[in-house]
Every structure is written in C-alpha cells, then in structure tokens.
Amino acid sequence: MSVAKKEYRRVTVKSLSEMKGNGEKISMLTAYDYSMAHIVDGAGIDVILVGDSASNVMAGHETTLPITLDQMIYHASSVIRAVKRALVVVDLPFGSYQSDPKEALRSAIRIMKESGAHGVKIEGGKEIKESVKKILHAGIPVMGHLGLTPQSIYKFGSYTVRAREEQEAEKLLEDAIFLEKMGCFAIVLEKIPATLARKVAENVSIPVIGIGAGNGVDGQVLVLHDLLGMTYEFSPRFLRRYMNLYEDMTNAISQYVDDVKNSDFPNDDEQY
C-alpha cells in the first residue's frame, strides 16, 4: 500500500521523525563529491551520508579505517556545496571518537563548523556512551550505527551477518533503545537478520535505516557507487544494482580512445 508523501523543501531530523510517524519510508544514499551530490539531491533523496566508505570507493583502501578526519571534512564540504534539500550526515572516522569523549566532541565540532554538515554518524552502543553524550550536549545531531560496524572489522574478523546469536541480538536491541534514550535522531542497522531489524524498528520511536537488514525498517541506505554498478567486484545479497556504469563507462572511454587514435575526434563541427 502506497503512503502519501509530504513534500519537504528541506529535510531535517524532524522531517525523518515525521516520515516514520506517517509510515513513509526514508531514502538514503552516500555521496562524496559535488557533482554526484548534486545529482543525488536533485533526484529527491532524503538523506545523504558522507560515509567513511569513501576510504574504499574513493581512495581504494581495503577498509574504512585509513580515512582521516581532514579527508572526511573535505568530502563533506564538497557535498554540502551541492545540496539544496537533503539532510547531510557525516561519518566520524575511526580513531576520532572511540577512546576520548573530548576528542569525539572536537571531531564532531570540526565536521559541523568546517563542512556545514547537518549531523554526524557514529558506530557503537553503550561502549561509546560518553562520546555520544558529549556530542549531543553540544547540540549536534547524532545518528547511531549498530550491527556490522565496519570500523571494527578486525575485531569481527569478517563482513558476515551480525547478531544471529541470541546474546548478540539482545545486546543490539538494548543498544538501540539506549541510543534512542541518549537522544540520537536515527539508527543505521547493517547486515543483521531481517526479523531482528524489524523488532528494533518496532521498539524505538526514532527512524531505523537498514543496509542488508530487510524491509521491516523505516528506510534504506546504499553506497552510491554500488547502486550505480561502478564497483563491479562487490556483490552482497542486499545490493540491488540499478545501473551498470562500470561497463557503460568502460565502453565510452574505449570509444573515445579509438576516436582519438583514428583522428575521428574532434571532427569539423567540434573545432573552432
């Protein structure tokens, strides 16, 4: 059954709460640069995540861990300059919040002041409560992230589905309720069983955004480069490719190379 959508000139954390209350699903995608963000925002996305996945898709690292706070601010600033409607949330990178709540606050303030972003995302539950508290007390909106938390990949040892076992599932639900009580405006659940994700969404009043967490949550997020088929090696079950840009771009560039080699480009109409 379709749900009547309210038109938002500008999406805010309040807008997301209203969407959940109205039963309207929330759309969220990553973006890391001005050109892509301009297209994504213009297409009507609700939330743009400047994700630390930039470490993978923009810089070619194996994990999200190497990206720095300065690099995240650079990407976020580029995105903000393009966006007219979407809420822009920025990942706090690895090492910028885990051990020192004061460092967490300084990192979040830098992101907000230097990029103009609308909020930050942070991985973890009760173990990072002091960092979350500091950031929230400064008036900075915080989105939580539970389940598979890529910044902890060496602790987990793999990218397999999380919270299959009862003990981990119970902790995840407790952490979600805790993050809501702390004052987070939304939570991302990554790569967990769909039944658990639905249970979380039903037990908290804030929006729950899933990636590999089924359709019982309040919205979905994907990495833009995966959705567009630019990262052809990555094929998890939860990913739906809406284009095959890897192939299309390869063909276009190959054609350009041929045209230049054969003196077909530029032709008479393409020169002064």
Protein backbone atom coordinates (compact mmCIF):
# COMPACT_ATOMS: atom_id res chain seq x y z
CA MET A 1 0.00 0.00 0.00
CA SER A 2 1.41 3.36 -1.02
CA VAL A 3 1.76 6.12 1.56
CA ALA A 4 1.01 9.76 0.78
CA LYS A 5 4.27 11.68 0.87
CA LYS A 6 4.63 15.10 2.43
CA GLU A 7 6.72 17.48 0.34
CA TYR A 8 9.74 18.82 2.20
CA ARG A 9 11.65 21.80 0.83
CA ARG A 10 14.41 20.90 3.26
CA VAL A 11 14.76 17.60 5.08
CA THR A 12 15.64 17.86 8.78
CA VAL A 13 15.87 15.42 11.68
CA LYS A 14 12.28 16.44 12.47
CA SER A 15 11.27 15.51 8.92
CA LEU A 16 12.64 11.99 9.38
CA SER A 17 10.67 11.58 12.60
CA GLU A 18 7.53 12.68 10.77
CA MET A 19 8.22 10.23 7.96
CA LYS A 20 8.43 7.34 10.43
CA GLY A 21 5.25 8.52 12.14
CA ASN A 22 3.44 8.71 8.80
CA GLY A 23 4.70 5.33 7.60
CA GLU A 24 6.73 6.91 4.79
CA LYS A 25 9.98 5.11 4.02
CA ILE A 26 13.21 7.12 4.18
CA SER A 27 15.67 7.04 1.27
CA MET A 28 19.38 7.45 1.98
CA LEU A 29 22.49 7.22 -0.21
CA THR A 30 26.16 8.04 0.12
CA ALA A 31 27.90 10.81 -1.80
CA TYR A 32 31.44 12.13 -1.53
CA ASP A 33 31.80 14.94 -4.10
CA TYR A 34 29.98 17.95 -5.51
CA SER A 35 28.92 16.51 -8.88
CA MET A 36 27.46 13.27 -7.53
CA ALA A 37 25.80 15.02 -4.58
CA HIS A 38 24.14 17.50 -6.96
CA ILE A 39 22.60 14.61 -8.92
CA VAL A 40 21.58 12.62 -5.84
CA ASP A 41 19.99 15.61 -4.16
CA GLY A 42 18.19 16.63 -7.33
CA ALA A 43 16.73 13.13 -7.65
CA GLY A 44 14.89 13.59 -4.37
CA ILE A 45 16.92 11.61 -1.84
CA ASP A 46 16.03 12.29 1.80
CA VAL A 47 19.42 11.77 3.45
CA ILE A 48 22.93 11.92 2.03
CA LEU A 49 25.58 10.12 4.05
CA VAL A 50 29.13 11.28 3.57
CA GLY A 51 30.35 7.85 4.58
CA ASP A 52 33.76 6.69 5.64
CA SER A 53 33.20 4.23 2.76
CA ALA A 54 34.97 6.98 0.83
CA SER A 55 38.07 5.19 2.10
CA ASN A 56 37.10 2.24 -0.11
CA VAL A 57 35.37 3.67 -3.17
CA MET A 58 37.24 6.99 -3.48
CA ALA A 59 40.70 6.14 -2.14
CA GLY A 60 40.95 2.40 -2.84
CA HIS A 61 41.67 1.22 0.69
CA GLU A 62 40.64 -2.26 1.77
CA THR A 63 38.83 -0.98 4.88
CA THR A 64 37.29 2.25 6.17
CA LEU A 65 39.97 2.65 8.83
CA PRO A 66 42.61 4.73 6.97
CA ILE A 67 40.44 7.75 6.13
CA THR A 68 41.21 10.79 8.27
CA LEU A 69 39.07 13.49 9.84
CA ASP A 70 40.54 16.10 7.47
CA GLN A 71 39.62 13.93 4.48
CA MET A 72 36.07 13.44 5.76
CA ILE A 73 35.70 17.20 6.17
CA TYR A 74 36.95 17.72 2.61
CA HIS A 75 34.40 15.28 1.19
CA ALA A 76 31.60 16.67 3.36
CA SER A 77 32.34 20.25 2.30
CA SER A 78 32.16 19.24 -1.36
CA VAL A 79 28.79 17.56 -0.81
CA ILE A 80 27.29 20.41 1.20
CA ARG A 81 28.01 22.90 -1.58
CA ALA A 82 25.78 20.85 -3.93
CA VAL A 83 22.84 20.07 -1.66
CA LYS A 84 19.61 22.07 -1.57
CA ARG A 85 17.13 19.62 0.04
CA ALA A 86 18.64 16.52 1.64
CA LEU A 87 19.81 16.12 5.22
CA VAL A 88 23.60 15.61 5.14
CA VAL A 89 25.13 13.31 7.76
CA VAL A 90 28.88 12.69 8.05
CA ASP A 91 30.65 9.64 9.48
CA LEU A 92 33.05 10.26 12.33
CA PRO A 93 36.10 8.31 11.12
CA PHE A 94 37.94 5.62 13.02
CA GLY A 95 40.09 6.99 15.85
CA SER A 96 38.21 10.28 16.16
CA TYR A 97 35.81 9.32 18.96
CA GLN A 98 36.32 5.81 20.39
CA SER A 99 38.65 6.36 23.35
CA ASP A 100 38.33 10.01 24.33
CA PRO A 101 34.95 11.78 24.63
CA LYS A 102 36.65 15.17 24.44
CA GLU A 103 38.32 14.15 21.18
CA ALA A 104 34.93 12.94 19.94
CA LEU A 105 33.41 16.33 20.65
CA ARG A 106 36.30 18.17 18.98
CA SER A 107 35.97 15.92 15.92
CA ALA A 108 32.21 16.45 15.64
CA ILE A 109 32.55 20.22 16.08
CA ARG A 110 35.19 20.37 13.33
CA ILE A 111 32.90 18.48 10.95
CA MET A 112 29.95 20.76 11.68
CA LYS A 113 31.91 24.04 11.56
CA GLU A 114 34.25 23.30 8.66
CA SER A 115 31.89 21.41 6.35
CA GLY A 116 28.47 22.83 7.22
CA ALA A 117 27.01 19.33 7.68
CA HIS A 118 23.74 18.74 9.50
CA GLY A 119 24.77 15.86 11.77
CA VAL A 120 27.27 13.07 12.39
CA LYS A 121 27.09 9.27 12.44
CA ILE A 122 28.91 7.18 15.00
CA GLU A 123 29.40 3.41 15.31
CA GLY A 124 28.67 1.54 18.52
CA GLY A 125 26.34 1.32 21.52
CA LYS A 126 26.83 1.63 25.26
CA GLU A 127 30.60 1.35 24.93
CA ILE A 128 30.74 4.82 23.35
CA LYS A 129 28.08 6.44 25.55
CA GLU A 130 30.36 9.18 26.90
CA SER A 131 31.33 10.26 23.39
CA VAL A 132 27.70 10.28 22.26
CA LYS A 133 26.71 12.26 25.37
CA LYS A 134 29.37 14.91 24.77
CA ILE A 135 28.39 15.40 21.15
CA LEU A 136 24.67 15.56 21.88
CA HIS A 137 25.16 18.02 24.73
CA ALA A 138 26.86 20.33 22.24
CA GLY A 139 23.64 20.38 20.20
CA ILE A 140 24.99 18.23 17.37
CA PRO A 141 22.51 15.69 15.91
CA VAL A 142 23.81 12.11 16.14
CA MET A 143 22.85 9.08 14.05
CA GLY A 144 23.82 5.74 15.57
CA HIS A 145 25.13 2.66 13.75
CA LEU A 146 24.76 -0.91 15.02
CA GLY A 147 25.18 -4.44 13.67
CA LEU A 148 28.10 -4.82 11.31
CA THR A 149 30.25 -1.82 12.16
CA PRO A 150 33.00 -1.64 9.51
CA GLN A 151 35.38 0.32 11.74
CA SER A 152 35.54 -2.79 13.97
CA ILE A 153 36.25 -5.18 11.11
CA TYR A 154 39.49 -6.51 12.62
CA LYS A 155 37.61 -7.28 15.84
CA PHE A 156 34.90 -9.18 13.95
CA GLY A 157 37.32 -10.80 11.50
CA SER A 158 34.85 -10.80 8.59
CA TYR A 159 31.94 -8.98 6.97
CA THR A 160 29.44 -11.76 7.76
CA VAL A 161 25.94 -11.13 9.12
CA ARG A 162 25.93 -9.96 12.74
CA ALA A 163 23.60 -10.70 15.67
CA ARG A 164 22.46 -14.15 14.55
CA GLU A 165 23.02 -15.50 18.07
CA GLU A 166 20.56 -14.63 20.82
CA GLN A 167 23.06 -12.91 23.12
CA GLU A 168 24.36 -10.55 20.43
CA ALA A 169 20.82 -9.90 19.20
CA GLU A 170 19.68 -8.94 22.71
CA LYS A 171 22.64 -6.59 23.11
CA LEU A 172 21.90 -4.94 19.77
CA LEU A 173 18.29 -4.28 20.76
CA GLU A 174 19.42 -2.93 24.14
CA ASP A 175 21.96 -0.67 22.42
CA ALA A 176 19.31 0.66 20.01
CA ILE A 177 16.96 1.52 22.88
CA PHE A 178 19.91 3.07 24.73
CA LEU A 179 20.87 5.26 21.75
CA GLU A 180 17.29 6.49 21.48
CA LYS A 181 17.21 7.36 25.18
CA MET A 182 20.51 9.17 24.81
CA GLY A 183 18.95 11.41 22.16
CA CYS A 184 20.13 10.03 18.80
CA PHE A 185 17.78 11.04 15.98
CA ALA A 186 18.13 7.80 13.95
CA ILE A 187 20.00 4.49 13.80
CA VAL A 188 21.57 2.58 10.91
CA LEU A 189 21.41 -1.20 11.17
CA GLU A 190 23.90 -3.00 8.95
CA LYS A 191 23.83 -6.63 7.86
CA ILE A 192 21.66 -8.20 10.56
CA PRO A 193 18.72 -10.65 10.32
CA ALA A 194 15.56 -9.01 8.96
CA THR A 195 13.43 -10.25 11.86
CA LEU A 196 15.74 -8.59 14.38
CA ALA A 197 15.85 -5.34 12.40
CA ARG A 198 12.05 -5.23 12.32
CA LYS A 199 11.95 -5.81 16.07
CA VAL A 200 14.34 -2.91 16.64
CA ALA A 201 12.29 -0.59 14.43
CA GLU A 202 9.14 -1.53 16.35
CA ASN A 203 10.78 -0.95 19.74
CA VAL A 204 12.22 2.52 19.15
CA SER A 205 10.41 5.67 18.12
CA ILE A 206 13.30 7.08 16.09
CA PRO A 207 13.84 6.12 12.43
CA VAL A 208 15.80 2.93 11.74
CA ILE A 209 17.65 2.81 8.41
CA GLY A 210 18.76 -0.56 7.10
CA ILE A 211 21.51 -1.82 4.85
CA GLY A 212 21.24 -5.57 4.50
CA ALA A 213 18.61 -5.54 7.26
CA GLY A 214 15.43 -6.38 5.35
CA ASN A 215 12.36 -4.27 4.60
CA GLY A 216 10.83 -4.10 8.08
CA VAL A 217 12.75 -0.94 8.95
CA ASP A 218 11.93 2.72 8.30
CA GLY A 219 14.27 3.30 5.37
CA GLN A 220 17.20 2.05 3.33
CA VAL A 221 20.75 3.17 2.60
CA LEU A 222 23.21 2.00 -0.06
CA VAL A 223 26.63 3.11 -1.22
CA LEU A 224 26.05 5.15 -4.38
CA HIS A 225 28.88 3.52 -6.33
CA ASP A 226 27.41 0.08 -5.61
CA LEU A 227 23.89 1.10 -6.67
CA LEU A 228 25.24 2.53 -9.94
CA GLY A 229 27.28 -0.58 -10.71
CA MET A 230 30.65 1.16 -10.59
CA THR A 231 32.09 -1.27 -8.02
CA TYR A 232 31.60 -4.46 -10.01
CA GLU A 233 33.56 -6.76 -7.64
CA PHE A 234 31.20 -6.17 -4.69
CA SER A 235 28.06 -8.34 -4.81
CA PRO A 236 26.41 -8.89 -1.42
CA ARG A 237 22.88 -10.29 -1.30
CA PHE A 238 21.38 -6.99 -0.14
CA LEU A 239 22.70 -4.95 -3.07
CA ARG A 240 20.43 -4.10 -5.99
CA ARG A 241 22.29 -2.56 -8.93
CA TYR A 242 20.17 -0.01 -10.77
CA MET A 243 22.77 0.56 -13.49
CA ASN A 244 25.96 -0.99 -14.86
CA LEU A 245 28.11 2.11 -15.09
CA TYR A 246 31.34 0.12 -14.96
CA GLU A 247 30.53 -1.40 -18.33
CA ASP A 248 28.96 1.75 -19.80
CA MET A 249 31.88 3.96 -18.78
CA THR A 250 34.46 1.44 -19.98
CA ASN A 251 32.76 1.29 -23.39
CA ALA A 252 32.50 5.07 -23.62
CA ILE A 253 36.15 5.64 -22.72
CA SER A 254 37.29 2.88 -25.10
CA GLN A 255 35.30 4.54 -27.88
CA TYR A 256 36.95 7.89 -27.07
CA VAL A 257 40.41 6.29 -27.23
CA ASP A 258 39.58 4.78 -30.64
CA ASP A 259 38.20 8.09 -31.95
CA VAL A 260 41.35 9.96 -30.89
CA LYS A 261 43.68 7.31 -32.32
CA ASN A 262 41.77 7.32 -35.62
CA SER A 263 41.65 11.14 -35.81
CA ASP A 264 37.85 10.98 -35.70
CA PHE A 265 37.73 13.29 -32.68
CA PRO A 266 37.44 16.20 -32.91
CA ASN A 267 35.61 16.43 -36.22
CA ASP A 268 34.94 19.61 -38.23
CA ASP A 269 31.94 20.55 -36.06
CA GLU A 270 33.92 20.16 -32.83
CA GLN A 271 36.66 22.71 -33.50
CA TYR A 272 36.97 26.48 -33.90
